[in-house]
Amino acid sequence: FFGRMPLPARLAIRATFSRTARRRARLHGVGGLGLETVERAIDRAFETIETGLEGGPFLGGRQAPGRGDLSCAALLAQIGFRDTMPRIEARFRGHPALSRHSVAVFEACGVEPPAWLRF
């Protein structure tokens, strides 16, 4: 999309996007960290969510989704957005319980889950 824009506009967008992306990374606590460190943190987050799913279909053993379930499902659904994070998506696929949870949250809300979440 941006390739069709004039060069000055592309440069301005790139500068703005890069600055915003770096700021977001710092806010999330991963700014300046190496790829392996970030991937280990993501793996720990996946494992933490799985632990929270013990005892029920939703976090904390609940029978209906709560705010935490909605937050997790929304964030996890972004992993497969237009194939922008293939390495993280591959790691996510090692956690089928997270896929089932996300799909269940979407369905409980009456929303069709992204197709890639079903595996």
Protein backbone atom coordinates (compact mmCIF):
# COMPACT_ATOMS: atom_id res chain seq x y z
CA PHE A 1 0.00 0.00 0.00
CA PHE A 2 2.66 2.49 1.01
CA GLY A 3 4.79 1.60 -2.02
CA ARG A 4 2.35 3.51 -4.23
CA MET A 5 2.77 6.72 -2.26
CA PRO A 6 5.28 9.45 -3.14
CA LEU A 7 8.73 9.04 -1.60
CA PRO A 8 8.41 11.90 0.95
CA ALA A 9 5.16 10.45 2.28
CA ARG A 10 6.69 6.95 2.54
CA LEU A 11 9.68 8.32 4.45
CA ALA A 12 7.43 10.26 6.84
CA ILE A 13 5.26 7.21 7.48
CA ARG A 14 8.29 5.00 8.06
CA ALA A 15 9.79 7.48 10.54
CA THR A 16 6.50 7.85 12.41
CA PHE A 17 5.78 4.12 12.43
CA SER A 18 9.28 3.22 13.61
CA ARG A 19 9.12 5.73 16.46
CA THR A 20 5.66 4.50 17.49
CA ALA A 21 6.69 0.85 17.30
CA ARG A 22 9.76 1.46 19.47
CA ARG A 23 7.68 3.37 22.03
CA ARG A 24 5.13 0.55 22.19
CA ALA A 25 7.89 -2.03 22.61
CA ARG A 26 9.30 -0.08 25.56
CA LEU A 27 5.84 0.25 27.12
CA HIS A 28 5.32 -3.50 26.81
CA GLY A 29 8.68 -4.12 28.46
CA VAL A 30 10.37 -5.66 25.42
CA GLY A 31 12.10 -2.61 23.96
CA GLY A 32 15.81 -3.26 23.48
CA LEU A 33 15.52 -6.98 24.29
CA GLY A 34 16.79 -9.65 21.95
CA LEU A 35 14.48 -11.86 19.94
CA GLU A 36 15.22 -14.97 22.03
CA THR A 37 14.43 -13.10 25.26
CA VAL A 38 11.11 -11.85 23.86
CA GLU A 39 10.18 -15.31 22.57
CA ARG A 40 10.92 -16.85 26.00
CA ALA A 41 8.65 -14.22 27.58
CA ILE A 42 5.91 -15.07 25.10
CA ASP A 43 6.28 -18.77 25.89
CA ARG A 44 5.96 -18.00 29.62
CA ALA A 45 2.83 -15.95 28.91
CA PHE A 46 1.30 -18.84 26.94
CA GLU A 47 2.09 -21.22 29.80
CA THR A 48 0.61 -18.81 32.35
CA ILE A 49 -2.65 -18.59 30.42
CA GLU A 50 -2.77 -22.39 30.14
CA THR A 51 -2.31 -22.67 33.90
CA GLY A 52 -5.21 -20.26 34.40
CA LEU A 53 -7.41 -22.49 32.23
CA GLU A 54 -7.06 -25.51 34.51
CA GLY A 55 -10.39 -26.46 36.03
CA GLY A 56 -12.70 -24.94 33.47
CA PRO A 57 -13.23 -23.80 29.94
CA PHE A 58 -12.42 -20.21 30.92
CA LEU A 59 -9.82 -18.58 33.16
CA GLY A 60 -10.11 -19.34 36.85
CA GLY A 61 -12.38 -22.32 36.16
CA ARG A 62 -15.29 -20.11 35.18
CA GLN A 63 -18.10 -21.41 33.05
CA ALA A 64 -18.53 -18.08 31.23
CA PRO A 65 -15.85 -15.73 29.90
CA GLY A 66 -14.70 -12.83 32.05
CA ARG A 67 -12.62 -9.75 31.30
CA GLY A 68 -9.38 -11.72 31.40
CA ASP A 69 -10.72 -14.20 28.86
CA LEU A 70 -11.80 -11.38 26.56
CA SER A 71 -8.39 -9.71 26.82
CA CYS A 72 -6.48 -12.93 26.15
CA ALA A 73 -8.64 -13.91 23.18
CA ALA A 74 -8.35 -10.43 21.65
CA LEU A 75 -4.57 -10.38 21.99
CA LEU A 76 -4.06 -13.95 20.84
CA ALA A 77 -6.26 -13.38 17.78
CA GLN A 78 -3.81 -10.70 16.61
CA ILE A 79 -0.98 -13.22 16.31
CA GLY A 80 -2.31 -14.53 13.02
CA PHE A 81 -3.32 -11.18 11.55
CA ARG A 82 -2.30 -11.25 7.89
CA ASP A 83 0.65 -13.53 8.64
CA THR A 84 2.56 -10.69 10.30
CA MET A 85 4.02 -12.82 13.12
CA PRO A 86 4.83 -16.26 11.69
CA ARG A 87 7.39 -17.14 14.37
CA ILE A 88 4.98 -16.36 17.19
CA GLU A 89 2.12 -18.10 15.36
CA ALA A 90 4.27 -21.25 15.10
CA ARG A 91 4.92 -21.11 18.86
CA PHE A 92 1.21 -20.51 19.52
CA ARG A 93 0.33 -23.64 17.54
CA GLY A 94 2.18 -25.62 20.20
CA HIS A 95 -0.57 -24.61 22.65
CA PRO A 96 -3.86 -26.04 21.32
CA ALA A 97 -5.61 -25.28 24.64
CA LEU A 98 -5.11 -21.57 23.94
CA SER A 99 -6.69 -21.97 20.52
CA ARG A 100 -9.70 -23.79 21.99
CA HIS A 101 -10.03 -21.12 24.68
CA SER A 102 -9.90 -18.24 22.20
CA VAL A 103 -12.46 -19.88 19.91
CA ALA A 104 -14.74 -20.54 22.92
CA VAL A 105 -14.51 -16.89 23.99
CA PHE A 106 -15.41 -15.64 20.52
CA GLU A 107 -18.31 -18.07 20.27
CA ALA A 108 -19.59 -17.19 23.76
CA CYS A 109 -19.72 -13.57 22.59
CA GLY A 110 -21.56 -14.51 19.41
CA VAL A 111 -18.61 -13.50 17.24
CA GLU A 112 -17.06 -15.64 14.52
CA PRO A 113 -13.42 -16.31 15.47
CA PRO A 114 -10.67 -15.75 12.92
CA ALA A 115 -10.33 -18.88 10.79
CA TRP A 116 -6.64 -19.32 11.59
CA LEU A 117 -7.47 -19.83 15.29
CA ARG A 118 -9.10 -23.18 14.56
CA PHE A 119 -6.44 -25.86 14.46
